[in-house]
Amino acid sequence: MTPMPPAPVRRGAWLRGMAVDGTPLRTSRDFRWLWFGDVFATIGRQIPLVAIPLQVYALTRSSLLVGLVSLAQVVPLIVGSLVGGVVVDAHDRRRVLLLTLAFTTVVAAGFAINASRERPLLWVVFVLAVLQATASGFDAPARRAALPHVVPMTLVPSALALQQILSNLGKLLIPAATGVLIAALGIDSVFWIHAGSALLGLLATSRLPALRPAGGGRRAGWSSLREGLGYVGTQPMIRAVFLLDISAMVFGLPRALFPAIGTEVLGGTAATVGLLYSAPGAGALLGALTSGWMARVRRIGRVIMVWIAIYGLAIVGFGLSPWLPLALAFLVLSGSADMISATLRNTLITVNTPDELRGRVASVNKAVVSGGPLLGDTRAGVQATLTSAGLSIVTGGLACFAAVGLIAWRFPVMRRVVFRDGELVDRQPSPR
């Protein structure tokens, strides 16, 4: 009997399997409106990152005040996130998003009106920056908690990857476009564009149905916040994910040292430093555009830890690189690894959290994601001052790699957990 020949491999099939999975956009009308709203919200998040520092520097010629306006936003952002999570779990998430976007529109208009004055008021810039940071703390938990209402759990990784594409495209394109528009139109016009983007985001979000928490919601208050924090404390997988995130950001994130590495170690100019800052974003975008395989990940905990370990090793490679192309290659790899692990980490958190708690858990995640990079900048800067920039980067990357091993040992559930049919299953070892 003649054996059957093997089935031919269709040319390009593996490439299609790698391409970003657009199923959530094709199959869910509600996700499309949520995603379109996120498009405009992303524009609104990125414009102030360039426009506010430029305005403060133009008014004062003081880098110290530029730093202070950023510092002034940290605590309001973290507090806004924690309070926002409580509110998101008490009320319709659609309504929270609509009110947040309406408030953001008003704040952006305030920036524009102040910028159009003959002599803009610096204190107004600080107040509006604090208000905007507070509002952003409500926006992120509401969007994350809304996601399982608009796509089935099996499509959460693909939906998160599509959101990552938006985020990374925004980080790559919008800051540069903002600078060009400020030079061409003036900073007041750019703030009006910011207000318009928030308004368009509001209109897109208004097309969503009601997104009420399961069970009608938990009454907002301190007890609700304690309940959310208590839930995080009792969930080993979520604690492990937060520890992995903090380890990567505190030990592995070397962005505070890019100026020193670009100019002193690599012997470049300000343009070289700019390339170092943009390379992780390019890698993250590449990872998002080739994220189709993530929808098929089953050993989600193991894959998360592998990619964070790769991230740590890529940072080590960057710290040891003596020439620019190699340094950029390692930073691109680190950006891809971070994007992949972040998408899968968010999947694990979303699936492992009951709907009535998703806003509060997402708010804690937002606080971790916002605070980790600031701690990382501090750690890298202090260590570089005591030793050298290169040694600070290399030891940080190695510490990130070691932390993955420690967390894998301390939280064995991360090695066992399987993502199957939209659920997380802890494959406990069989008793002897």
Protein backbone atom coordinates (compact mmCIF):
# COMPACT_ATOMS: atom_id res chain seq x y z
CA MET A 1 0.00 0.00 0.00
CA THR A 2 1.48 3.31 -1.04
CA PRO A 3 1.83 5.65 1.95
CA MET A 4 -0.03 8.89 1.79
CA PRO A 5 2.21 11.86 1.06
CA PRO A 6 2.42 14.48 3.79
CA ALA A 7 -0.02 17.33 3.49
CA PRO A 8 1.62 20.28 1.77
CA VAL A 9 2.35 23.31 3.89
CA ARG A 10 0.53 26.26 2.47
CA ARG A 11 2.96 28.99 1.57
CA GLY A 12 2.63 31.95 3.89
CA ALA A 13 0.43 30.13 6.40
CA TRP A 14 2.91 30.65 9.23
CA LEU A 15 3.11 34.34 8.39
CA ARG A 16 -0.65 34.64 8.59
CA GLY A 17 -0.52 32.89 11.94
CA MET A 18 1.94 35.50 13.20
CA ALA A 19 -0.01 38.53 11.92
CA VAL A 20 -2.09 40.47 14.40
CA ASP A 21 -5.49 38.87 14.99
CA GLY A 22 -8.20 41.29 13.91
CA THR A 23 -11.07 38.99 14.92
CA PRO A 24 -12.32 41.27 17.74
CA LEU A 25 -12.67 44.16 15.28
CA ARG A 26 -14.42 41.99 12.69
CA THR A 27 -16.84 40.21 14.99
CA SER A 28 -17.72 42.66 17.76
CA ARG A 29 -19.48 45.93 17.00
CA ASP A 30 -19.10 47.04 20.61
CA PHE A 31 -15.35 46.38 20.58
CA ARG A 32 -15.06 48.47 17.41
CA TRP A 33 -16.64 51.45 19.16
CA LEU A 34 -14.48 50.91 22.25
CA TRP A 35 -11.38 50.67 20.03
CA PHE A 36 -12.29 53.74 17.96
CA GLY A 37 -12.81 55.65 21.18
CA ASP A 38 -9.38 54.48 22.28
CA VAL A 39 -7.89 55.84 19.04
CA PHE A 40 -8.92 59.37 19.98
CA ALA A 41 -8.11 58.83 23.66
CA THR A 42 -4.59 57.77 22.64
CA ILE A 43 -4.14 61.01 20.70
CA GLY A 44 -5.34 62.90 23.75
CA ARG A 45 -2.93 61.04 26.05
CA GLN A 46 0.14 61.68 23.91
CA ILE A 47 -0.29 65.35 22.93
CA PRO A 48 0.09 66.71 26.50
CA LEU A 49 3.30 64.71 27.03
CA VAL A 50 4.98 67.05 24.55
CA ALA A 51 2.84 70.19 24.69
CA ILE A 52 2.87 70.73 28.47
CA PRO A 53 6.69 70.51 28.94
CA LEU A 54 7.24 72.70 25.87
CA GLN A 55 4.85 75.32 27.18
CA VAL A 56 6.37 75.32 30.66
CA TYR A 57 9.89 75.65 29.24
CA ALA A 58 8.80 78.42 26.86
CA LEU A 59 7.29 80.33 29.80
CA THR A 60 10.13 79.83 32.29
CA ARG A 61 13.27 78.60 30.49
CA SER A 62 13.65 76.29 33.50
CA SER A 63 14.23 72.55 33.18
CA LEU A 64 13.57 72.29 36.91
CA LEU A 65 10.00 73.52 36.47
CA VAL A 66 9.53 71.16 33.53
CA GLY A 67 10.50 68.32 35.86
CA LEU A 68 8.25 69.64 38.61
CA VAL A 69 5.17 69.73 36.38
CA SER A 70 5.77 66.05 35.63
CA LEU A 71 6.35 65.25 39.29
CA ALA A 72 3.15 67.11 40.21
CA GLN A 73 1.15 64.61 38.13
CA VAL A 74 2.49 61.40 39.73
CA VAL A 75 0.50 61.34 42.97
CA PRO A 76 -2.78 62.53 41.36
CA LEU A 77 -2.40 59.82 38.71
CA ILE A 78 -1.88 57.05 41.27
CA VAL A 79 -4.61 58.34 43.60
CA GLY A 80 -6.93 58.87 40.64
CA SER A 81 -6.29 55.30 39.53
CA LEU A 82 -7.16 53.81 42.93
CA VAL A 83 -10.26 55.98 43.37
CA GLY A 84 -11.18 55.42 39.72
CA GLY A 85 -11.10 51.67 40.21
CA VAL A 86 -13.58 51.95 43.08
CA VAL A 87 -15.89 54.15 40.99
CA VAL A 88 -15.61 51.85 37.96
CA ASP A 89 -16.76 48.88 40.05
CA ALA A 90 -19.70 50.87 41.45
CA HIS A 91 -21.16 52.36 38.28
CA ASP A 92 -21.76 51.71 34.59
CA ARG A 93 -18.27 51.67 32.97
CA ARG A 94 -19.67 53.39 29.86
CA ARG A 95 -20.92 56.30 31.94
CA VAL A 96 -17.56 56.59 33.73
CA LEU A 97 -15.78 56.76 30.37
CA LEU A 98 -18.20 59.36 29.05
CA LEU A 99 -17.81 61.60 32.11
CA THR A 100 -14.02 61.19 32.04
CA LEU A 101 -13.83 62.14 28.36
CA ALA A 102 -16.15 65.10 28.89
CA PHE A 103 -13.96 66.28 31.77
CA THR A 104 -10.83 65.78 29.63
CA THR A 105 -12.40 67.86 26.85
CA VAL A 106 -13.00 70.73 29.28
CA VAL A 107 -9.45 70.50 30.69
CA ALA A 108 -7.95 70.47 27.18
CA ALA A 109 -10.03 73.53 26.29
CA GLY A 110 -8.67 75.19 29.44
CA PHE A 111 -5.12 74.52 28.24
CA ALA A 112 -5.99 76.03 24.86
CA ILE A 113 -7.63 79.14 26.31
CA ASN A 114 -4.72 79.73 28.68
CA ALA A 115 -2.20 79.22 25.86
CA SER A 116 -4.01 81.77 23.70
CA ARG A 117 -3.49 84.51 26.30
CA GLU A 118 -0.82 87.10 25.63
CA ARG A 119 0.90 85.92 28.81
CA PRO A 120 -0.23 82.39 29.75
CA LEU A 121 -0.43 81.70 33.49
CA LEU A 122 2.02 79.07 34.76
CA TRP A 123 -0.09 78.13 37.79
CA VAL A 124 -3.01 77.37 35.47
CA VAL A 125 -0.80 74.94 33.55
CA PHE A 126 0.09 73.15 36.81
CA VAL A 127 -3.53 72.95 37.98
CA LEU A 128 -4.79 71.67 34.63
CA ALA A 129 -1.95 69.11 34.45
CA VAL A 130 -2.93 67.76 37.87
CA LEU A 131 -6.61 67.57 36.87
CA GLN A 132 -5.74 65.76 33.64
CA ALA A 133 -3.53 63.24 35.45
CA THR A 134 -6.35 62.55 37.92
CA ALA A 135 -8.84 61.98 35.10
CA SER A 136 -6.49 59.57 33.33
CA GLY A 137 -6.59 57.40 36.45
CA PHE A 138 -10.33 56.86 35.86
CA ASP A 139 -9.98 56.22 32.13
CA ALA A 140 -7.60 53.24 32.19
CA PRO A 141 -9.49 51.08 34.76
CA ALA A 142 -12.79 51.74 32.98
CA ARG A 143 -11.39 50.66 29.60
CA ARG A 144 -9.81 47.52 31.02
CA ALA A 145 -12.95 46.56 32.96
CA ALA A 146 -15.11 47.17 29.86
CA LEU A 147 -13.14 44.79 27.64
CA PRO A 148 -14.68 41.46 28.75
CA HIS A 149 -18.14 42.98 28.17
CA VAL A 150 -17.46 43.52 24.46
CA VAL A 151 -15.42 40.40 23.51
CA PRO A 152 -15.51 36.80 24.74
CA MET A 153 -12.71 35.73 27.07
CA THR A 154 -11.09 33.66 24.33
CA LEU A 155 -10.47 36.88 22.35
CA VAL A 156 -9.09 38.95 25.24
CA PRO A 157 -5.42 38.42 24.21
CA SER A 158 -6.20 39.51 20.62
CA ALA A 159 -8.18 42.53 21.84
CA LEU A 160 -5.36 43.57 24.17
CA ALA A 161 -2.87 43.22 21.31
CA LEU A 162 -5.00 45.54 19.16
CA GLN A 163 -5.00 48.07 21.99
CA GLN A 164 -1.22 47.69 22.26
CA ILE A 165 -0.89 48.56 18.57
CA LEU A 166 -2.75 51.80 19.21
CA SER A 167 -0.66 52.62 22.23
CA ASN A 168 2.66 51.96 20.53
CA LEU A 169 1.71 53.75 17.31
CA GLY A 170 0.70 56.69 19.46
CA LYS A 171 4.03 56.70 21.29
CA LEU A 172 5.91 56.57 17.99
CA LEU A 173 3.98 59.04 15.86
CA ILE A 174 2.00 61.50 17.95
CA PRO A 175 4.84 63.14 19.96
CA ALA A 176 6.74 63.93 16.75
CA ALA A 177 3.57 65.16 15.04
CA THR A 178 2.78 67.31 18.08
CA GLY A 179 6.15 69.04 17.84
CA VAL A 180 5.64 69.73 14.14
CA LEU A 181 2.11 71.06 14.70
CA ILE A 182 3.22 73.32 17.56
CA ALA A 183 5.90 74.82 15.31
CA ALA A 184 3.44 75.27 12.43
CA LEU A 185 0.18 76.24 14.17
CA GLY A 186 1.07 77.31 17.69
CA ILE A 187 0.59 75.56 21.00
CA ASP A 188 -2.96 76.85 21.53
CA SER A 189 -4.10 75.21 18.28
CA VAL A 190 -2.54 71.92 19.34
CA PHE A 191 -4.41 72.03 22.66
CA TRP A 192 -7.64 72.59 20.68
CA ILE A 193 -6.76 69.45 18.67
CA HIS A 194 -6.37 67.70 22.03
CA ALA A 195 -9.85 68.88 23.04
CA GLY A 196 -11.29 67.77 19.70
CA SER A 197 -9.78 64.29 20.02
CA ALA A 198 -11.31 63.88 23.48
CA LEU A 199 -14.70 64.99 22.12
CA LEU A 200 -14.50 62.50 19.24
CA GLY A 201 -13.57 59.79 21.73
CA LEU A 202 -16.66 60.72 23.74
CA LEU A 203 -18.87 60.42 20.65
CA ALA A 204 -17.46 56.98 19.78
CA THR A 205 -17.85 55.76 23.37
CA SER A 206 -21.45 56.97 23.46
CA ARG A 207 -22.29 54.23 20.92
CA LEU A 208 -21.46 51.53 23.47
CA PRO A 209 -24.24 49.78 25.42
CA ALA A 210 -24.47 49.98 29.18
CA LEU A 211 -21.48 48.22 30.80
CA ARG A 212 -22.66 47.61 34.34
CA PRO A 213 -20.55 45.59 36.79
CA ALA A 214 -21.78 42.09 37.55
CA GLY A 215 -24.27 42.06 40.39
CA GLY A 216 -25.05 45.75 40.01
CA GLY A 217 -21.74 46.99 41.36
CA ARG A 218 -20.13 47.50 44.76
CA ARG A 219 -20.96 50.72 46.59
CA ALA A 220 -18.02 53.14 46.35
CA GLY A 221 -16.10 53.77 49.57
CA TRP A 222 -13.03 52.83 51.59
CA SER A 223 -14.36 49.34 52.21
CA SER A 224 -14.60 48.84 48.44
CA LEU A 225 -10.97 49.91 47.99
CA ARG A 226 -9.88 47.60 50.81
CA GLU A 227 -11.82 44.76 49.21
CA GLY A 228 -9.99 45.29 45.91
CA LEU A 229 -6.57 45.45 47.57
CA GLY A 230 -7.48 42.41 49.66
CA TYR A 231 -8.41 40.45 46.56
CA VAL A 232 -5.02 41.21 45.00
CA GLY A 233 -3.36 40.04 48.22
CA THR A 234 -5.13 36.68 48.13
CA GLN A 235 -4.42 35.86 44.46
CA PRO A 236 -0.95 34.35 43.94
CA MET A 237 -1.11 34.71 40.14
CA ILE A 238 -1.96 38.41 40.27
CA ARG A 239 0.69 39.06 42.94
CA ALA A 240 3.24 37.24 40.83
CA VAL A 241 2.33 39.28 37.75
CA PHE A 242 2.67 42.56 39.67
CA LEU A 243 6.04 41.46 41.09
CA LEU A 244 7.25 40.50 37.62
CA ASP A 245 6.19 43.91 36.29
CA ILE A 246 7.88 45.80 39.13
CA SER A 247 11.07 43.73 38.74
CA ALA A 248 11.26 44.48 35.02
CA MET A 249 10.64 48.21 35.49
CA VAL A 250 12.79 48.81 38.59
CA PHE A 251 15.77 46.69 37.56
CA GLY A 252 15.54 46.53 33.80
CA LEU A 253 14.27 49.91 32.58
CA PRO A 254 17.34 52.03 31.70
CA ARG A 255 15.74 55.06 30.01
CA ALA A 256 17.17 57.54 32.56
CA LEU A 257 20.64 56.53 31.34
CA PHE A 258 19.98 56.93 27.61
CA PRO A 259 21.53 60.42 27.46
CA ALA A 260 24.75 59.22 29.12
CA ILE A 261 24.94 56.03 27.03
CA GLY A 262 24.16 57.84 23.77
CA THR A 263 26.65 60.65 24.17
CA GLU A 264 29.44 59.25 26.34
CA VAL A 265 29.52 55.49 25.73
CA LEU A 266 28.39 55.44 22.09
CA GLY A 267 29.94 58.84 21.28
CA GLY A 268 26.82 60.16 19.59
CA THR A 269 24.72 63.30 19.66
CA ALA A 270 21.22 64.23 20.75
CA ALA A 271 19.97 62.40 17.65
CA THR A 272 21.60 59.22 18.96
CA VAL A 273 19.82 59.64 22.28
CA GLY A 274 16.54 60.10 20.42
CA LEU A 275 17.10 56.80 18.62
CA LEU A 276 17.67 55.05 21.95
CA TYR A 277 14.40 56.39 23.30
CA SER A 278 12.45 55.37 20.19
CA ALA A 279 13.93 51.88 19.72
CA PRO A 280 11.87 50.12 22.47
CA GLY A 281 8.71 51.65 21.01
CA ALA A 282 9.63 50.34 17.57
CA GLY A 283 10.16 46.89 19.06
CA ALA A 284 6.83 47.04 20.90
CA LEU A 285 5.04 47.96 17.69
CA LEU A 286 6.76 45.09 15.85
CA GLY A 287 5.70 42.72 18.62
CA ALA A 288 2.10 43.95 18.42
CA LEU A 289 1.94 43.59 14.64
CA THR A 290 3.14 39.97 14.88
CA SER A 291 0.99 39.05 17.88
CA GLY A 292 -1.41 36.60 16.24
CA TRP A 293 0.29 33.65 17.93
CA MET A 294 -0.57 34.98 21.40
CA ALA A 295 -4.22 34.00 20.98
CA ARG A 296 -3.02 30.37 20.92
CA VAL A 297 -0.85 30.52 24.05
CA ARG A 298 -1.83 27.95 26.63
CA ARG A 299 1.01 27.90 29.18
CA ILE A 300 0.45 31.59 29.78
CA GLY A 301 2.41 31.88 33.05
CA ARG A 302 5.49 30.20 31.63
CA VAL A 303 5.40 32.29 28.47
CA ILE A 304 5.13 35.50 30.51
CA MET A 305 8.19 34.57 32.55
CA VAL A 306 10.19 33.51 29.50
CA TRP A 307 9.62 36.84 27.76
CA ILE A 308 10.46 38.87 30.87
CA ALA A 309 13.68 36.85 31.15
CA ILE A 310 14.39 37.66 27.50
CA TYR A 311 13.71 41.31 28.31
CA GLY A 312 16.29 41.23 31.13
CA LEU A 313 18.90 39.59 28.90
CA ALA A 314 18.22 42.13 26.13
CA ILE A 315 18.92 44.92 28.63
CA VAL A 316 22.19 43.20 29.56
CA GLY A 317 23.09 43.06 25.87
CA PHE A 318 22.28 46.76 25.50
CA GLY A 319 24.52 47.63 28.44
CA LEU A 320 27.43 45.69 26.91
CA SER A 321 26.99 47.01 23.35
CA PRO A 322 29.95 49.09 22.13
CA TRP A 323 28.32 50.37 18.92
CA LEU A 324 24.97 51.92 18.06
CA PRO A 325 23.37 49.36 15.68
CA LEU A 326 23.86 46.54 18.19
CA ALA A 327 22.57 48.69 21.04
CA LEU A 328 19.46 49.57 19.03
CA ALA A 329 18.89 45.92 18.13
CA PHE A 330 18.88 44.92 21.80
CA LEU A 331 16.51 47.78 22.67
CA VAL A 332 14.15 46.73 19.87
CA LEU A 333 14.21 43.19 21.28
CA SER A 334 13.52 44.52 24.79
CA GLY A 335 10.53 46.52 23.50
CA SER A 336 9.07 43.46 21.75
CA ALA A 337 9.59 41.27 24.82
CA ASP A 338 7.98 43.86 27.07
CA MET A 339 4.96 44.24 24.78
CA ILE A 340 4.42 40.46 24.58
CA SER A 341 4.72 39.93 28.31
CA ALA A 342 2.49 42.96 29.02
CA THR A 343 -0.28 41.67 26.75
CA LEU A 344 -0.22 38.24 28.36
CA ARG A 345 0.06 39.71 31.88
CA ASN A 346 -3.02 41.83 31.25
CA THR A 347 -4.82 38.78 29.86
CA LEU A 348 -4.06 36.81 33.02
CA ILE A 349 -5.20 39.66 35.28
CA THR A 350 -8.41 40.24 33.30
CA VAL A 351 -9.41 36.58 33.14
CA ASN A 352 -8.46 35.86 36.77
CA THR A 353 -10.53 38.75 38.17
CA PRO A 354 -14.32 38.61 38.69
CA ASP A 355 -16.18 41.31 36.78
CA GLU A 356 -17.32 43.09 39.93
CA LEU A 357 -13.65 43.59 40.94
CA ARG A 358 -12.05 44.34 37.57
CA GLY A 359 -12.02 48.12 37.95
CA ARG A 360 -10.25 48.01 41.31
CA VAL A 361 -7.70 45.40 40.23
CA ALA A 362 -7.06 47.35 37.00
CA SER A 363 -6.53 50.47 39.11
CA VAL A 364 -3.84 48.72 41.18
CA ASN A 365 -2.26 47.55 37.93
CA LYS A 366 -2.29 51.15 36.66
CA ALA A 367 -0.56 52.33 39.84
CA VAL A 368 2.11 49.63 39.45
CA VAL A 369 2.65 50.45 35.76
CA SER A 370 2.89 54.18 36.51
CA GLY A 371 5.08 53.94 39.61
CA GLY A 372 7.48 51.22 38.44
CA PRO A 373 9.22 53.28 35.73
CA LEU A 374 9.73 56.19 38.14
CA LEU A 375 11.39 53.87 40.66
CA GLY A 376 13.43 52.41 37.80
CA ASP A 377 14.68 55.84 36.76
CA THR A 378 15.71 56.54 40.35
CA ARG A 379 17.44 53.19 40.80
CA ALA A 380 19.34 53.49 37.52
CA GLY A 381 20.42 57.07 38.17
CA VAL A 382 21.64 56.44 41.72
CA GLN A 383 23.55 53.29 40.77
CA ALA A 384 25.10 54.96 37.72
CA THR A 385 26.29 57.82 39.94
CA LEU A 386 27.91 55.38 42.36
CA THR A 387 29.39 53.12 39.66
CA SER A 388 28.86 53.72 35.93
CA ALA A 389 25.98 53.87 33.46
CA GLY A 390 27.01 50.63 31.75
CA LEU A 391 27.35 48.71 35.02
CA SER A 392 24.00 50.04 36.22
CA ILE A 393 22.31 48.74 33.07
CA VAL A 394 24.02 45.32 33.06
CA THR A 395 23.44 44.58 36.75
CA GLY A 396 19.84 45.78 36.43
CA GLY A 397 19.18 43.42 33.53
CA LEU A 398 20.77 40.52 35.42
CA ALA A 399 18.67 41.37 38.50
CA CYS A 400 15.53 41.31 36.33
CA PHE A 401 16.53 37.88 34.97
CA ALA A 402 17.23 36.58 38.49
CA ALA A 403 13.91 37.97 39.76
CA VAL A 404 12.06 35.88 37.17
CA GLY A 405 13.71 32.73 38.52
CA LEU A 406 12.92 33.70 42.10
CA ILE A 407 9.26 34.46 41.31
CA ALA A 408 8.94 31.21 39.32
CA TRP A 409 10.20 29.33 42.39
CA ARG A 410 8.11 31.29 44.90
CA PHE A 411 4.88 31.17 42.85
CA PRO A 412 4.70 27.68 41.27
CA VAL A 413 1.16 28.41 40.07
CA MET A 414 2.76 30.53 37.31
CA ARG A 415 4.45 27.41 35.98
CA ARG A 416 1.26 25.36 36.15
CA VAL A 417 -1.49 27.69 34.95
CA VAL A 418 -3.06 27.02 31.54
CA PHE A 419 -5.26 29.38 29.50
CA ARG A 420 -7.92 27.24 27.80
CA ASP A 421 -11.32 28.12 26.34
CA GLY A 422 -11.19 31.59 27.89
CA GLU A 423 -10.48 30.27 31.40
CA LEU A 424 -7.39 29.84 33.58
CA VAL A 425 -6.84 26.31 34.85
CA ASP A 426 -4.32 25.53 37.59
CA ARG A 427 -2.94 22.14 36.67
CA GLN A 428 -2.13 20.93 40.15
CA PRO A 429 0.34 18.04 40.33
CA SER A 430 -1.35 14.69 40.94
CA PRO A 431 -1.12 13.51 44.57
CA ARG A 432 1.06 10.48 45.08
